[in-house]
C-alpha cells in the first residue's frame, strides 16, 4: 500500500469495489472512514457504470478498488475506464501487486516481448482452438487458469505448442506463493499426478523455438511423439518444438506412417 493510494482512499467520495467486504477489511486496517462504498463487479457492472459516470460528471471523486492485484487485468473495470475517458474525465492509475508481471519476471523466460492471453476456454476444443491461434506468436505467453483445469490445460498446451519451457506460479504476491518451472509436458504430468493445487494459478510459456531442424531430426522427434500421442497431437507438438509449419510436419507424419504400414489419426 503506497502513501498515494492511502490518500486516494481517504479522499474519494465513492469507492467502487469488487467486493465491499474485502475493501472494508482494508479500510479498517488503515483506519480509513470512506464516504461511500458501492459494489462494482462483473455481475452489476452494466447497471453501475451509468451511476458512477453520473457522479463523476457531477464532480465526485471515484476510486475503483480490486480484491487483489491491479484492477482492469481480466476485469470489467476497463469498460468503466473507457467510458470515463470518452466522457473527457481524467483517469489515474495507482497499480497494486500484479500476478501477471510477477509470474513473468520470476519464470526465467524471455520478458522482452510477451502476450497476456487471459483465461483459456474451459473445454478442450475451445482451448486448443485458441492455442492454435497463439502458437506462432514470437513472444512469451501468459495465461490465467483455474487450478481445477490446470493439468488439462497444460496437456493441451503441450500438444498444440510443443514441449516449450514453461512455469506455473501459484498464489503469486501472496503469503504461500510458489513457482514451478519445467517443460509443458512435465508440468502437465506433475499436476495430473499431484492433483489440483490450492489458490490461483498463472501459466507462463516460452516463445516458439527458432531451431531449423533437419529432416532426420524431425523424423526422430515424430517417432518419439507418436509413441504417446495421436498423429494430430504429435504433429502439433513437433511443429511447436521445431518451428516448422504444422501442415508440413503432419504431411511428414503421414509419409512415415504409410512407409511403415501404419494409419493416420
C-alpha atoms as a PDB file:
ATOM      1  CA  UNK A   1       0.000   0.000   0.000  1.00  0.00           C
ATOM      2  CA  UNK A   2       1.533   3.317  -1.103  1.00  0.00           C
ATOM      3  CA  UNK A   3       1.046   6.693   0.523  1.00  0.00           C
ATOM      4  CA  UNK A   4      -0.655   7.935  -2.630  1.00  0.00           C
ATOM      5  CA  UNK A   5      -3.106   5.030  -2.510  1.00  0.00           C
ATOM      6  CA  UNK A   6      -3.929   5.800   1.125  1.00  0.00           C
ATOM      7  CA  UNK A   7      -4.545   9.448   0.235  1.00  0.00           C
ATOM      8  CA  UNK A   8      -6.834   8.378  -2.622  1.00  0.00           C
ATOM      9  CA  UNK A   9      -8.865   6.012  -0.444  1.00  0.00           C
ATOM     10  CA  UNK A  10      -9.192   8.687   2.217  1.00  0.00           C
ATOM     11  CA  UNK A  11     -10.184  11.473  -0.167  1.00  0.00           C
ATOM     12  CA  UNK A  12     -12.519   9.632  -2.542  1.00  0.00           C
ATOM     13  CA  UNK A  13     -16.231  10.413  -2.447  1.00  0.00           C
ATOM     14  CA  UNK A  14     -17.058   6.908  -3.684  1.00  0.00           C
ATOM     15  CA  UNK A  15     -15.135   3.635  -3.518  1.00  0.00           C
ATOM     16  CA  UNK A  16     -16.306   1.207  -6.214  1.00  0.00           C
ATOM     17  CA  UNK A  17     -15.228  -2.241  -5.001  1.00  0.00           C
ATOM     18  CA  UNK A  18     -15.061  -5.726  -6.437  1.00  0.00           C
ATOM     19  CA  UNK A  19     -16.162  -6.997  -3.012  1.00  0.00           C
ATOM     20  CA  UNK A  20     -17.186  -4.432  -0.390  1.00  0.00           C
ATOM     21  CA  UNK A  21     -16.362  -6.859   2.437  1.00  0.00           C
ATOM     22  CA  UNK A  22     -12.755  -7.232   1.294  1.00  0.00           C
ATOM     23  CA  UNK A  23     -12.325  -3.482   0.888  1.00  0.00           C
ATOM     24  CA  UNK A  24     -13.888  -2.905   4.315  1.00  0.00           C
ATOM     25  CA  UNK A  25     -11.094  -5.019   5.860  1.00  0.00           C
ATOM     26  CA  UNK A  26      -8.500  -2.922   4.044  1.00  0.00           C
ATOM     27  CA  UNK A  27     -10.059   0.302   5.280  1.00  0.00           C
ATOM     28  CA  UNK A  28     -10.175  -0.947   8.864  1.00  0.00           C
ATOM     29  CA  UNK A  29      -6.503  -1.961   8.679  1.00  0.00           C
ATOM     30  CA  UNK A  30      -5.545   1.640   7.843  1.00  0.00           C
ATOM     31  CA  UNK A  31      -8.246   3.318   9.958  1.00  0.00           C
ATOM     32  CA  UNK A  32      -9.922   4.914   6.935  1.00  0.00           C
ATOM     33  CA  UNK A  33     -13.555   6.038   7.004  1.00  0.00           C
ATOM     34  CA  UNK A  34     -14.815   6.050   3.421  1.00  0.00           C
ATOM     35  CA  UNK A  35     -17.592   8.425   2.418  1.00  0.00           C
ATOM     36  CA  UNK A  36     -19.429   5.790   0.350  1.00  0.00           C
ATOM     37  CA  UNK A  37     -18.685   2.183  -0.662  1.00  0.00           C
ATOM     38  CA  UNK A  38     -20.531   0.578  -3.587  1.00  0.00           C
ATOM     39  CA  UNK A  39     -20.044  -2.782  -5.343  1.00  0.00           C
ATOM     40  CA  UNK A  40     -18.719  -2.856  -8.915  1.00  0.00           C
ATOM     41  CA  UNK A  41     -18.111  -6.315 -10.380  1.00  0.00           C
ATOM     42  CA  UNK A  42     -18.843  -8.491 -13.395  1.00  0.00           C
ATOM     43  CA  UNK A  43     -22.493  -9.093 -12.458  1.00  0.00           C
ATOM     44  CA  UNK A  44     -23.575  -5.481 -11.834  1.00  0.00           C
ATOM     45  CA  UNK A  45     -21.109  -3.514 -13.977  1.00  0.00           C
ATOM     46  CA  UNK A  46     -23.619  -2.683 -16.731  1.00  0.00           C
ATOM     47  CA  UNK A  47     -26.030  -1.063 -14.282  1.00  0.00           C
ATOM     48  CA  UNK A  48     -23.402   0.571 -12.062  1.00  0.00           C
ATOM     49  CA  UNK A  49     -21.373   2.271 -14.814  1.00  0.00           C
ATOM     50  CA  UNK A  50     -24.037   4.898 -15.684  1.00  0.00           C
ATOM     51  CA  UNK A  51     -24.466   5.721 -11.978  1.00  0.00           C
ATOM     52  CA  UNK A  52     -20.739   6.141 -11.437  1.00  0.00           C
ATOM     53  CA  UNK A  53     -20.424   8.258 -14.585  1.00  0.00           C
ATOM     54  CA  UNK A  54     -23.224  10.496 -13.390  1.00  0.00           C
ATOM     55  CA  UNK A  55     -21.444  11.060 -10.075  1.00  0.00           C
ATOM     56  CA  UNK A  56     -18.160  11.760 -11.864  1.00  0.00           C
ATOM     57  CA  UNK A  57     -19.843  14.311 -14.138  1.00  0.00           C
ATOM     58  CA  UNK A  58     -21.224  15.960 -11.003  1.00  0.00           C
ATOM     59  CA  UNK A  59     -17.677  16.383  -9.724  1.00  0.00           C
ATOM     60  CA  UNK A  60     -17.337  13.421  -7.369  1.00  0.00           C
ATOM     61  CA  UNK A  61     -14.013  11.602  -6.981  1.00  0.00           C
ATOM     62  CA  UNK A  62     -14.402   7.855  -7.602  1.00  0.00           C
ATOM     63  CA  UNK A  63     -11.770   5.221  -6.751  1.00  0.00           C
ATOM     64  CA  UNK A  64     -12.008   1.735  -8.263  1.00  0.00           C
ATOM     65  CA  UNK A  65     -10.638  -0.951  -5.911  1.00  0.00           C
ATOM     66  CA  UNK A  66      -9.959  -4.615  -6.722  1.00  0.00           C
ATOM     67  CA  UNK A  67      -9.789  -7.503  -4.250  1.00  0.00           C
ATOM     68  CA  UNK A  68      -6.230  -8.498  -5.174  1.00  0.00           C
ATOM     69  CA  UNK A  69      -3.745  -7.180  -7.687  1.00  0.00           C
ATOM     70  CA  UNK A  70      -4.048  -4.440 -10.268  1.00  0.00           C
ATOM     71  CA  UNK A  71      -7.625  -3.544 -11.351  1.00  0.00           C
ATOM     72  CA  UNK A  72      -8.641  -3.927 -15.019  1.00  0.00           C
ATOM     73  CA  UNK A  73      -6.477  -7.014 -15.647  1.00  0.00           C
ATOM     74  CA  UNK A  74      -9.042  -9.617 -16.732  1.00  0.00           C
ATOM     75  CA  UNK A  75     -11.601  -7.364 -15.059  1.00  0.00           C
ATOM     76  CA  UNK A  76     -14.742  -5.376 -16.099  1.00  0.00           C
ATOM     77  CA  UNK A  77     -13.080  -2.192 -14.851  1.00  0.00           C
ATOM     78  CA  UNK A  78     -11.672  -1.493 -18.314  1.00  0.00           C
ATOM     79  CA  UNK A  79     -15.191  -0.700 -19.591  1.00  0.00           C
ATOM     80  CA  UNK A  80     -15.621   1.885 -16.843  1.00  0.00           C
ATOM     81  CA  UNK A  81     -12.262   3.470 -17.693  1.00  0.00           C
ATOM     82  CA  UNK A  82     -13.148   3.531 -21.394  1.00  0.00           C
ATOM     83  CA  UNK A  83     -16.446   5.325 -20.801  1.00  0.00           C
ATOM     84  CA  UNK A  84     -14.912   7.730 -18.281  1.00  0.00           C
ATOM     85  CA  UNK A  85     -12.120   8.615 -20.734  1.00  0.00           C
ATOM     86  CA  UNK A  86     -14.626   9.049 -23.572  1.00  0.00           C
ATOM     87  CA  UNK A  87     -16.515  11.485 -21.331  1.00  0.00           C
ATOM     88  CA  UNK A  88     -13.348  13.577 -21.025  1.00  0.00           C
ATOM     89  CA  UNK A  89     -12.873  12.846 -17.325  1.00  0.00           C
ATOM     90  CA  UNK A  90      -9.262  12.259 -16.156  1.00  0.00           C
ATOM     91  CA  UNK A  91      -8.254   8.720 -15.165  1.00  0.00           C
ATOM     92  CA  UNK A  92      -5.237   7.981 -12.942  1.00  0.00           C
ATOM     93  CA  UNK A  93      -3.667   4.590 -12.140  1.00  0.00           C
ATOM     94  CA  UNK A  94      -2.334   3.526  -8.745  1.00  0.00           C
ATOM     95  CA  UNK A  95      -1.171  -0.018  -9.560  1.00  0.00           C
ATOM     96  CA  UNK A  96      -1.075  -2.707  -6.917  1.00  0.00           C
ATOM     97  CA  UNK A  97       0.608  -6.093  -6.965  1.00  0.00           C
ATOM     98  CA  UNK A  98       0.290  -7.875 -10.324  1.00  0.00           C
ATOM     99  CA  UNK A  99       0.368 -11.675 -10.552  1.00  0.00           C
ATOM    100  CA  UNK A 100       0.797 -11.359 -14.330  1.00  0.00           C
ATOM    101  CA  UNK A 101       4.073  -9.435 -14.108  1.00  0.00           C
ATOM    102  CA  UNK A 102       5.252 -11.307 -11.009  1.00  0.00           C
ATOM    103  CA  UNK A 103       4.892 -14.609 -12.893  1.00  0.00           C
ATOM    104  CA  UNK A 104       6.665 -13.259 -15.972  1.00  0.00           C
ATOM    105  CA  UNK A 105       9.689 -11.840 -14.181  1.00  0.00           C
ATOM    106  CA  UNK A 106      10.171 -14.878 -11.882  1.00  0.00           C
ATOM    107  CA  UNK A 107       9.592 -17.511 -14.577  1.00  0.00           C
ATOM    108  CA  UNK A 108      13.086 -17.197 -16.040  1.00  0.00           C
ATOM    109  CA  UNK A 109      11.543 -16.975 -19.527  1.00  0.00           C
ATOM    110  CA  UNK A 110      12.123 -14.146 -22.037  1.00  0.00           C
ATOM    111  CA  UNK A 111      10.383 -10.977 -20.852  1.00  0.00           C
ATOM    112  CA  UNK A 112      11.350  -8.552 -23.647  1.00  0.00           C
ATOM    113  CA  UNK A 113       8.196  -9.470 -25.579  1.00  0.00           C
ATOM    114  CA  UNK A 114       5.134 -11.113 -24.055  1.00  0.00           C
ATOM    115  CA  UNK A 115       1.396 -11.566 -24.607  1.00  0.00           C
ATOM    116  CA  UNK A 116      -1.142 -11.803 -21.785  1.00  0.00           C
ATOM    117  CA  UNK A 117      -3.920 -14.085 -23.062  1.00  0.00           C
ATOM    118  CA  UNK A 118      -6.193 -14.143 -20.001  1.00  0.00           C
ATOM    119  CA  UNK A 119      -8.197 -17.293 -19.296  1.00  0.00           C
ATOM    120  CA  UNK A 120      -8.399 -20.067 -21.888  1.00  0.00           C
ATOM    121  CA  UNK A 121     -11.837 -21.579 -22.673  1.00  0.00           C
ATOM    122  CA  UNK A 122     -12.952 -24.239 -20.157  1.00  0.00           C
ATOM    123  CA  UNK A 123     -13.371 -27.032 -22.726  1.00  0.00           C
ATOM    124  CA  UNK A 124     -10.655 -28.834 -24.677  1.00  0.00           C
ATOM    125  CA  UNK A 125     -11.878 -27.937 -28.173  1.00  0.00           C
ATOM    126  CA  UNK A 126     -12.057 -24.240 -27.345  1.00  0.00           C
ATOM    127  CA  UNK A 127      -8.684 -24.260 -25.585  1.00  0.00           C
ATOM    128  CA  UNK A 128      -6.941 -25.928 -28.497  1.00  0.00           C
ATOM    129  CA  UNK A 129      -8.520 -23.547 -30.991  1.00  0.00           C
ATOM    130  CA  UNK A 130      -7.197 -20.507 -29.103  1.00  0.00           C
ATOM    131  CA  UNK A 131      -3.806 -22.116 -28.531  1.00  0.00           C
ATOM    132  CA  UNK A 132      -3.525 -22.833 -32.243  1.00  0.00           C
ATOM    133  CA  UNK A 133      -4.113 -19.115 -32.910  1.00  0.00           C
ATOM    134  CA  UNK A 134      -1.363 -18.224 -30.429  1.00  0.00           C
ATOM    135  CA  UNK A 135       1.117 -20.924 -31.468  1.00  0.00           C
ATOM    136  CA  UNK A 136       3.138 -18.858 -33.926  1.00  0.00           C
ATOM    137  CA  UNK A 137       3.348 -15.636 -31.908  1.00  0.00           C
ATOM    138  CA  UNK A 138       7.053 -14.870 -31.305  1.00  0.00           C
ATOM    139  CA  UNK A 139       6.594 -13.945 -27.658  1.00  0.00           C
ATOM    140  CA  UNK A 140       6.286 -15.429 -24.193  1.00  0.00           C
ATOM    141  CA  UNK A 141       2.645 -16.254 -23.418  1.00  0.00           C
ATOM    142  CA  UNK A 142       1.000 -15.596 -20.054  1.00  0.00           C
ATOM    143  CA  UNK A 143      -2.309 -17.196 -19.018  1.00  0.00           C
ATOM    144  CA  UNK A 144      -4.599 -17.195 -16.006  1.00  0.00           C
ATOM    145  CA  UNK A 145      -6.017 -20.645 -15.246  1.00  0.00           C
ATOM    146  CA  UNK A 146      -8.324 -22.283 -12.748  1.00  0.00           C
ATOM    147  CA  UNK A 147      -6.340 -24.788 -10.693  1.00  0.00           C
ATOM    148  CA  UNK A 148      -9.142 -27.314 -11.289  1.00  0.00           C
ATOM    149  CA  UNK A 149      -8.334 -27.278 -15.021  1.00  0.00           C
ATOM    150  CA  UNK A 150      -4.584 -26.762 -14.704  1.00  0.00           C
ATOM    151  CA  UNK A 151      -3.431 -30.291 -15.646  1.00  0.00           C
ATOM    152  CA  UNK A 152      -5.784 -30.485 -18.645  1.00  0.00           C
ATOM    153  CA  UNK A 153      -4.804 -27.036 -19.899  1.00  0.00           C
ATOM    154  CA  UNK A 154      -1.086 -27.782 -19.592  1.00  0.00           C
ATOM    155  CA  UNK A 155      -1.596 -31.038 -21.520  1.00  0.00           C
ATOM    156  CA  UNK A 156      -3.386 -29.132 -24.302  1.00  0.00           C
ATOM    157  CA  UNK A 157      -0.601 -26.542 -24.357  1.00  0.00           C
ATOM    158  CA  UNK A 158       1.998 -29.291 -24.707  1.00  0.00           C
ATOM    159  CA  UNK A 159       0.003 -30.904 -27.525  1.00  0.00           C
ATOM    160  CA  UNK A 160      -0.521 -27.686 -29.500  1.00  0.00           C
ATOM    161  CA  UNK A 161       2.515 -25.562 -28.614  1.00  0.00           C
ATOM    162  CA  UNK A 162       5.061 -28.358 -28.286  1.00  0.00           C
ATOM    163  CA  UNK A 163       7.480 -29.087 -25.467  1.00  0.00           C
ATOM    164  CA  UNK A 164       8.277 -25.480 -24.635  1.00  0.00           C
ATOM    165  CA  UNK A 165       9.829 -24.316 -21.388  1.00  0.00           C
ATOM    166  CA  UNK A 166       7.154 -23.045 -19.033  1.00  0.00           C
ATOM    167  CA  UNK A 167       6.404 -22.077 -15.444  1.00  0.00           C
ATOM    168  CA  UNK A 168       3.360 -22.265 -13.197  1.00  0.00           C
ATOM    169  CA  UNK A 169       3.008 -19.635 -10.488  1.00  0.00           C
ATOM    170  CA  UNK A 170       0.567 -20.198  -7.646  1.00  0.00           C
ATOM    171  CA  UNK A 171      -0.701 -17.600  -5.168  1.00  0.00           C
ATOM    172  CA  UNK A 172       1.772 -15.045  -6.501  1.00  0.00           C
ATOM    173  CA  UNK A 173       2.289 -11.862  -4.453  1.00  0.00           C
ATOM    174  CA  UNK A 174       0.636 -13.667  -1.510  1.00  0.00           C
ATOM    175  CA  UNK A 175       1.936 -15.490   1.568  1.00  0.00           C
ATOM    176  CA  UNK A 176       2.205 -19.021   0.143  1.00  0.00           C
ATOM    177  CA  UNK A 177       3.416 -18.207  -3.365  1.00  0.00           C
ATOM    178  CA  UNK A 178       5.081 -20.963  -5.387  1.00  0.00           C
ATOM    179  CA  UNK A 179       6.798 -21.119  -8.787  1.00  0.00           C
ATOM    180  CA  UNK A 180       7.384 -24.432 -10.594  1.00  0.00           C
ATOM    181  CA  UNK A 181       9.498 -24.427 -13.792  1.00  0.00           C
ATOM    182  CA  UNK A 182       9.677 -27.276 -16.343  1.00  0.00           C
ATOM    183  CA  UNK A 183       8.705 -28.123 -19.937  1.00  0.00           C
ATOM    184  CA  UNK A 184       4.957 -28.088 -20.561  1.00  0.00           C
ATOM    185  CA  UNK A 185       4.586 -31.866 -20.781  1.00  0.00           C
ATOM    186  CA  UNK A 186       6.461 -32.343 -17.491  1.00  0.00           C
ATOM    187  CA  UNK A 187       4.264 -29.784 -15.747  1.00  0.00           C
ATOM    188  CA  UNK A 188       1.130 -31.438 -17.147  1.00  0.00           C
ATOM    189  CA  UNK A 189       2.186 -34.820 -15.757  1.00  0.00           C
ATOM    190  CA  UNK A 190       3.078 -33.332 -12.379  1.00  0.00           C
ATOM    191  CA  UNK A 191      -0.309 -31.691 -11.828  1.00  0.00           C
ATOM    192  CA  UNK A 192      -2.182 -34.701 -13.233  1.00  0.00           C
ATOM    193  CA  UNK A 193      -0.473 -36.880 -10.613  1.00  0.00           C
ATOM    194  CA  UNK A 194      -0.453 -34.383  -7.731  1.00  0.00           C
ATOM    195  CA  UNK A 195      -3.988 -33.116  -8.268  1.00  0.00           C
ATOM    196  CA  UNK A 196      -5.220 -29.530  -8.395  1.00  0.00           C
ATOM    197  CA  UNK A 197      -3.215 -27.188  -6.153  1.00  0.00           C
ATOM    198  CA  UNK A 198      -4.889 -24.630  -3.919  1.00  0.00           C
ATOM    199  CA  UNK A 199      -5.201 -20.980  -4.816  1.00  0.00           C
ATOM    200  CA  UNK A 200      -4.925 -19.201  -8.155  1.00  0.00           C
ATOM    201  CA  UNK A 201      -2.510 -20.027 -10.979  1.00  0.00           C
ATOM    202  CA  UNK A 202      -0.619 -18.144 -13.683  1.00  0.00           C
ATOM    203  CA  UNK A 203       0.988 -20.124 -16.524  1.00  0.00           C
ATOM    204  CA  UNK A 204       3.950 -18.647 -18.431  1.00  0.00           C
ATOM    205  CA  UNK A 205       5.010 -20.345 -21.676  1.00  0.00           C
ATOM    206  CA  UNK A 206       8.217 -19.582 -23.548  1.00  0.00           C
ATOM    207  CA  UNK A 207       8.172 -18.394 -27.189  1.00  0.00           C
ATOM    208  CA  UNK A 208       8.350 -20.864 -30.082  1.00  0.00           C
ATOM    209  CA  UNK A 209      11.755 -22.335 -30.858  1.00  0.00           C
ATOM    210  CA  UNK A 210      13.847 -20.891 -33.647  1.00  0.00           C
ATOM    211  CA  UNK A 211      15.564 -24.182 -34.458  1.00  0.00           C
ATOM    212  CA  UNK A 212      15.501 -25.062 -38.143  1.00  0.00           C
ATOM    213  CA  UNK A 213      15.516 -28.821 -37.600  1.00  0.00           C
ATOM    214  CA  UNK A 214      16.987 -31.192 -40.167  1.00  0.00           C
ATOM    215  CA  UNK A 215      14.640 -33.798 -41.763  1.00  0.00           C
ATOM    216  CA  UNK A 216      16.277 -36.633 -39.795  1.00  0.00           C
ATOM    217  CA  UNK A 217      15.714 -34.683 -36.567  1.00  0.00           C
ATOM    218  CA  UNK A 218      12.055 -34.132 -37.487  1.00  0.00           C
ATOM    219  CA  UNK A 219      11.631 -37.877 -38.050  1.00  0.00           C
ATOM    220  CA  UNK A 220      13.211 -38.667 -34.685  1.00  0.00           C
ATOM    221  CA  UNK A 221      11.005 -36.117 -32.942  1.00  0.00           C
ATOM    222  CA  UNK A 222       7.936 -37.544 -34.643  1.00  0.00           C
ATOM    223  CA  UNK A 223       8.858 -41.090 -33.639  1.00  0.00           C
ATOM    224  CA  UNK A 224       9.155 -40.029 -30.016  1.00  0.00           C
ATOM    225  CA  UNK A 225       5.921 -38.029 -30.045  1.00  0.00           C
ATOM    226  CA  UNK A 226       3.900 -40.698 -31.845  1.00  0.00           C
ATOM    227  CA  UNK A 227       4.800 -43.196 -29.142  1.00  0.00           C
ATOM    228  CA  UNK A 228       2.415 -41.417 -26.762  1.00  0.00           C
ATOM    229  CA  UNK A 229       0.256 -39.089 -28.907  1.00  0.00           C
ATOM    230  CA  UNK A 230      -2.180 -39.199 -31.791  1.00  0.00           C
ATOM    231  CA  UNK A 231      -0.801 -38.104 -35.156  1.00  0.00           C
ATOM    232  CA  UNK A 232      -2.563 -34.752 -34.896  1.00  0.00           C
ATOM    233  CA  UNK A 233      -1.162 -34.010 -31.435  1.00  0.00           C
ATOM    234  CA  UNK A 234       2.298 -35.285 -32.366  1.00  0.00           C
ATOM    235  CA  UNK A 235       2.402 -33.021 -35.429  1.00  0.00           C
ATOM    236  CA  UNK A 236       1.393 -30.028 -33.317  1.00  0.00           C
ATOM    237  CA  UNK A 237       3.992 -30.828 -30.652  1.00  0.00           C
ATOM    238  CA  UNK A 238       6.837 -31.298 -33.134  1.00  0.00           C
ATOM    239  CA  UNK A 239       5.782 -28.180 -35.030  1.00  0.00           C
ATOM    240  CA  UNK A 240       5.945 -26.125 -31.842  1.00  0.00           C
ATOM    241  CA  UNK A 241       9.300 -27.581 -30.837  1.00  0.00           C
ATOM    242  CA  UNK A 242      10.951 -27.274 -34.248  1.00  0.00           C
ATOM    243  CA  UNK A 243       9.461 -24.039 -35.538  1.00  0.00           C
ATOM    244  CA  UNK A 244       8.376 -25.778 -38.767  1.00  0.00           C
ATOM    245  CA  UNK A 245       4.799 -25.404 -40.122  1.00  0.00           C
ATOM    246  CA  UNK A 246       2.283 -27.819 -38.635  1.00  0.00           C
ATOM    247  CA  UNK A 247       0.926 -28.791 -42.053  1.00  0.00           C
ATOM    248  CA  UNK A 248       4.428 -29.766 -43.196  1.00  0.00           C
ATOM    249  CA  UNK A 249       5.030 -31.860 -40.077  1.00  0.00           C
ATOM    250  CA  UNK A 250       1.657 -33.590 -40.358  1.00  0.00           C
ATOM    251  CA  UNK A 251       2.360 -34.451 -44.008  1.00  0.00           C
ATOM    252  CA  UNK A 252       5.698 -35.970 -42.968  1.00  0.00           C
ATOM    253  CA  UNK A 253       3.986 -37.967 -40.235  1.00  0.00           C
ATOM    254  CA  UNK A 254       1.592 -39.401 -42.823  1.00  0.00           C
ATOM    255  CA  UNK A 255       4.520 -40.329 -45.058  1.00  0.00           C
ATOM    256  CA  UNK A 256       6.250 -42.129 -42.165  1.00  0.00           C
ATOM    257  CA  UNK A 257       3.082 -43.972 -41.224  1.00  0.00           C
ATOM    258  CA  UNK A 258       2.499 -45.073 -44.817  1.00  0.00           C
ATOM    259  CA  UNK A 259       6.094 -46.220 -45.225  1.00  0.00           C
ATOM    260  CA  UNK A 260       5.861 -48.238 -42.012  1.00  0.00           C
ATOM    261  CA  UNK A 261       2.455 -49.675 -42.721  1.00  0.00           C
ATOM    262  CA  UNK A 262       0.598 -47.575 -40.179  1.00  0.00           C
ATOM    263  CA  UNK A 263      -2.518 -45.437 -40.356  1.00  0.00           C
ATOM    264  CA  UNK A 264      -3.063 -41.728 -39.733  1.00  0.00           C
ATOM    265  CA  UNK A 265      -5.213 -40.297 -36.965  1.00  0.00           C
END
